[in-house]
Protein backbone atom coordinates (compact mmCIF):
# COMPACT_ATOMS: atom_id res chain seq x y z
CA UNK A 1 -65.24 47.75 129.45
CA UNK A 2 -66.63 50.85 127.56
CA UNK A 3 -70.31 51.50 128.57
CA UNK A 4 -71.12 52.84 125.07
CA UNK A 5 -69.86 49.59 123.32
CA UNK A 6 -71.85 47.45 125.66
CA UNK A 7 -75.11 49.39 124.83
CA UNK A 8 -74.68 49.09 120.94
CA UNK A 9 -73.89 45.35 121.20
CA UNK A 10 -77.37 44.59 122.43
CA UNK A 11 -80.12 43.70 119.96
CA UNK A 12 -82.66 46.45 119.71
CA UNK A 13 -85.86 45.86 121.68
CA UNK A 14 -89.03 45.47 119.76
CA UNK A 15 -90.30 48.82 120.94
CA UNK A 16 -87.21 50.52 119.64
CA UNK A 17 -87.51 48.79 116.33
CA UNK A 18 -91.13 49.86 115.96
CA UNK A 19 -90.14 53.51 116.91
CA UNK A 20 -87.34 53.64 114.25
CA UNK A 21 -89.55 52.35 111.43
CA UNK A 22 -91.96 54.59 109.55
CA UNK A 23 -95.75 54.01 109.31
CA UNK A 24 -95.49 52.76 105.74
CA UNK A 25 -92.70 50.36 106.57
CA UNK A 26 -94.85 48.89 109.30
CA UNK A 27 -97.90 48.74 107.07
CA UNK A 28 -95.83 47.06 104.25
CA UNK A 29 -94.49 44.51 106.65
CA UNK A 30 -97.96 43.57 107.95
CA UNK A 31 -99.10 43.27 104.43
CA UNK A 32 -96.40 41.03 103.34
CA UNK A 33 -97.49 38.57 106.23
CA UNK A 34 -101.22 38.59 105.84
CA UNK A 35 -104.30 39.92 103.94
CA UNK A 36 -105.78 42.72 106.04
CA UNK A 37 -108.60 45.27 106.21
CA UNK A 38 -107.98 48.98 106.99
CA UNK A 39 -108.92 48.42 110.58
CA UNK A 40 -106.54 45.48 110.90
CA UNK A 41 -103.70 47.44 109.33
CA UNK A 42 -104.36 50.27 111.67
CA UNK A 43 -103.98 48.00 114.68
CA UNK A 44 -100.96 46.19 113.41
CA UNK A 45 -98.98 49.34 112.26
CA UNK A 46 -100.20 51.76 115.09
CA UNK A 47 -101.74 54.21 112.75
CA UNK A 48 -105.15 55.85 112.64
CA UNK A 49 -107.58 53.83 110.41
CA UNK A 50 -108.59 57.17 108.83
CA UNK A 51 -104.88 57.55 107.63
CA UNK A 52 -104.59 54.07 106.27
CA UNK A 53 -105.98 54.72 102.70
CA UNK A 54 -103.51 57.60 102.08
CA UNK A 55 -100.65 55.39 103.23
CA UNK A 56 -101.75 52.55 100.89
CA UNK A 57 -102.05 54.98 98.02
CA UNK A 58 -98.32 56.06 98.41
CA UNK A 59 -97.13 52.57 99.39
CA UNK A 60 -98.82 51.13 96.01
CA UNK A 61 -96.59 53.51 93.97
CA UNK A 62 -93.42 52.82 95.80
CA UNK A 63 -93.76 49.04 95.65
CA UNK A 64 -93.69 48.99 91.92
CA UNK A 65 -89.95 50.01 92.09
CA UNK A 66 -89.10 47.07 94.26
CA UNK A 67 -90.78 44.40 92.32
CA UNK A 68 -93.81 44.03 94.35
CA UNK A 69 -97.57 44.97 94.10
CA UNK A 70 -100.47 45.79 96.47
CA UNK A 71 -103.36 43.49 95.66
CA UNK A 72 -106.78 44.58 96.74
CA UNK A 73 -109.73 42.28 97.39
CA UNK A 74 -112.73 44.48 96.20
CA UNK A 75 -115.43 45.46 98.71
CA UNK A 76 -118.87 43.88 97.99
CA UNK A 77 -122.42 44.50 99.12
CA UNK A 78 -123.36 42.02 101.78
CA UNK A 79 -127.11 42.35 100.90
CA UNK A 80 -127.15 41.93 97.24
CA UNK A 81 -123.46 40.78 96.51
CA UNK A 82 -122.54 43.67 94.17
CA UNK A 83 -118.75 43.81 93.84
CA UNK A 84 -116.81 47.01 93.55
CA UNK A 85 -114.22 45.60 91.24
CA UNK A 86 -113.62 48.79 89.24
CA UNK A 87 -113.09 50.94 92.32
CA UNK A 88 -109.50 52.44 92.53
CA UNK A 89 -109.81 54.28 95.85
CA UNK A 90 -108.70 52.18 98.87
CA UNK A 91 -111.47 53.31 101.34
CA UNK A 92 -114.77 51.47 101.91
CA UNK A 93 -117.66 52.77 99.66
CA UNK A 94 -120.60 54.27 101.51
CA UNK A 95 -123.44 52.41 99.86
CA UNK A 96 -124.17 49.97 97.16
CA UNK A 97 -125.24 51.54 93.79
CA UNK A 98 -127.67 48.76 93.02
CA UNK A 99 -129.69 48.20 96.19
CA UNK A 100 -128.65 51.35 98.26
CA UNK A 101 -127.64 49.14 101.27
CA UNK A 102 -124.88 50.62 103.56
CA UNK A 103 -123.74 47.02 104.54
CA UNK A 104 -120.45 46.97 102.56
CA UNK A 105 -117.58 44.70 103.26
CA UNK A 106 -114.30 46.31 103.67
CA UNK A 107 -111.63 45.99 100.99
CA UNK A 108 -108.71 43.64 102.00
CA UNK A 109 -105.14 44.28 101.03
CA UNK A 110 -102.02 42.07 100.55
CA UNK A 111 -98.46 42.80 99.15
CA UNK A 112 -97.12 40.11 96.81
CA UNK A 113 -93.83 39.86 94.62
CA UNK A 114 -94.18 40.31 90.93
CA UNK A 115 -93.12 37.14 89.23
């Protein structure tokens, strides 16, 4: 039996699947399964938390061509409840414009199909 054909007939291991997919593909897959914060995305897709916002910005544009969209649950101030509903950036705001508190909940993201 040919050794090369034997190797190619095996299913890929989870580690090799992860290494062949891009960071954005891993992020997209994680967001199709659950609503996640940047920290949770970082852990699920093996990317730095600091880089997640940039990946989300690009992913948001590419999803439009595939009939999907990135939904964002707006961050809000834990102290006064102010919602950052008009915010377009994907990162966490530094402080509340109303009460100046720095206790801000992180935004949460999810990918859904356009229907």
